[in-house]
Amino acid sequence: MSDEIWFAPRRCGYGPGQPLAWQGWALSVGYALFVLVTGFVLLPVSFAGFLVLMAGGSAAFLVISARKTEGGIGWRCGKKGRAPSNGRNPQQRGKVNDVHEVPG
């Protein structure tokens, strides 16, 4: 495989970001079709077979996308690469949210 980048890194979360190249779009659409076809065809017949195929297909998607994502896949959020501890935007730390009470 070449060193060409197919996916941008996610800004927040785990996994690949938006596809940048046609190969990334093809991989994403192919995976979505794989999930749909496997669900419609195999799920009514064999739940265990469905789980095995989904695990294998998802692992293959993650391995390929990890190799083709700039910086690899991993948890990142914002500029520092970690999630804010309080669940808010890091730029809002220490600021009080505006609360409007309704008289009544």
Foldseek 3Di string as FASTA:
>chain_A
DDQAAQFEADQADWATHDGDDVVNVVLVVVLVVVLVVLCVPPCVPDVVVSVVVNVVSVVVSQVVNQSRYVVGTDGAHHDVGDADPVNDDPVCPPPDDDDDDDDD
